[in-house]
């Protein structure tokens, strides 16, 4: 489980996961815009999003409801969602 549960740490870790899972080249955590629309601007499809959600569930030991997938459009929104889940869990 990632050590940092502050929003900046979560954003960074989510960006790392997305870069790794989607094999994005020429993108780093520092250059990844956390407000970029992952579907419209990056072209992530539903299978990519499902894969990322599974990795995030394992990493953070949370449950991500499939009905929530459409809301998870940016790294910032995903990170805020994870933060809420972690806060509710504790």
Protein backbone atom coordinates (compact mmCIF):
# COMPACT_ATOMS: atom_id res chain seq x y z
CA UNK A 1 0.00 0.00 0.00
CA UNK A 2 1.35 3.44 -0.85
CA UNK A 3 2.76 5.27 2.14
CA UNK A 4 1.21 8.65 1.42
CA UNK A 5 -2.49 9.25 1.91
CA UNK A 6 -2.38 12.99 1.32
CA UNK A 7 -4.00 14.11 -1.92
CA UNK A 8 -0.70 15.09 -3.58
CA UNK A 9 0.80 11.69 -2.78
CA UNK A 10 -2.27 9.89 -4.09
CA UNK A 11 -2.28 11.98 -7.30
CA UNK A 12 1.38 11.11 -7.84
CA UNK A 13 0.84 7.41 -7.26
CA UNK A 14 -2.26 7.27 -9.49
CA UNK A 15 -0.29 9.00 -12.26
CA UNK A 16 2.52 6.43 -11.87
CA UNK A 17 0.02 3.59 -12.16
CA UNK A 18 -1.66 5.04 -15.25
CA UNK A 19 1.67 5.73 -16.95
CA UNK A 20 2.84 2.20 -16.17
CA UNK A 21 -0.38 0.36 -17.05
CA UNK A 22 -0.93 2.23 -20.32
CA UNK A 23 2.77 2.16 -21.22
CA UNK A 24 2.73 5.90 -21.88
CA UNK A 25 5.95 7.12 -23.41
CA UNK A 26 7.27 10.67 -23.09
CA UNK A 27 5.08 11.22 -20.01
CA UNK A 28 6.35 11.50 -16.45
CA UNK A 29 4.56 11.98 -13.17
CA UNK A 30 5.76 15.58 -13.17
CA UNK A 31 4.49 16.34 -16.68
CA UNK A 32 1.16 14.48 -16.39
CA UNK A 33 -1.67 16.99 -16.06
CA UNK A 34 -3.83 15.72 -13.20
CA UNK A 35 -6.87 17.50 -14.65
CA UNK A 36 -6.57 16.03 -18.16
CA UNK A 37 -9.67 14.10 -19.20
CA UNK A 38 -8.41 10.54 -19.47
CA UNK A 39 -11.11 9.43 -21.90
CA UNK A 40 -11.46 12.47 -24.17
CA UNK A 41 -7.87 13.73 -24.15
CA UNK A 42 -5.83 10.58 -23.55
CA UNK A 43 -8.11 8.07 -25.26
CA UNK A 44 -8.48 5.61 -22.39
CA UNK A 45 -11.22 3.09 -23.14
CA UNK A 46 -13.42 1.16 -20.73
CA UNK A 47 -11.04 -1.82 -20.65
CA UNK A 48 -8.10 0.43 -19.75
CA UNK A 49 -10.15 2.08 -17.03
CA UNK A 50 -11.22 -1.29 -15.64
CA UNK A 51 -7.60 -2.44 -15.54
CA UNK A 52 -6.51 0.75 -13.78
CA UNK A 53 -9.39 0.41 -11.30
CA UNK A 54 -8.32 -3.16 -10.46
CA UNK A 55 -4.74 -2.06 -9.83
CA UNK A 56 -5.93 0.84 -7.66
CA UNK A 57 -8.18 -1.48 -5.67
CA UNK A 58 -5.22 -3.77 -4.98
CA UNK A 59 -2.83 -0.91 -4.21
CA UNK A 60 -5.14 0.93 -1.82
CA UNK A 61 -7.20 -2.04 -0.60
CA UNK A 62 -10.45 -0.29 -1.46
CA UNK A 63 -13.47 -1.20 -3.55
CA UNK A 64 -14.29 0.81 -6.66
CA UNK A 65 -17.86 0.35 -7.81
CA UNK A 66 -18.21 -0.09 -11.58
CA UNK A 67 -21.06 2.43 -11.48
CA UNK A 68 -18.50 5.02 -10.35
CA UNK A 69 -16.18 4.51 -13.34
CA UNK A 70 -17.82 7.28 -15.44
CA UNK A 71 -17.08 9.79 -12.65
CA UNK A 72 -13.38 8.91 -12.63
CA UNK A 73 -12.37 11.06 -15.59
CA UNK A 74 -9.16 12.70 -14.36
CA UNK A 75 -6.29 11.76 -12.10
CA UNK A 76 -7.49 14.41 -9.63
CA UNK A 77 -11.04 12.96 -9.53
CA UNK A 78 -9.67 9.42 -9.15
CA UNK A 79 -7.40 10.59 -6.33
CA UNK A 80 -10.21 12.41 -4.51
CA UNK A 81 -12.35 9.27 -4.85
CA UNK A 82 -9.56 7.14 -3.35
CA UNK A 83 -9.06 9.68 -0.53
CA UNK A 84 -12.79 9.51 0.31
CA UNK A 85 -12.70 5.70 0.32
CA UNK A 86 -9.62 5.65 2.57
CA UNK A 87 -11.16 8.20 4.96
CA UNK A 88 -14.42 6.22 5.14
CA UNK A 89 -12.47 3.02 5.79
CA UNK A 90 -10.60 4.46 8.79
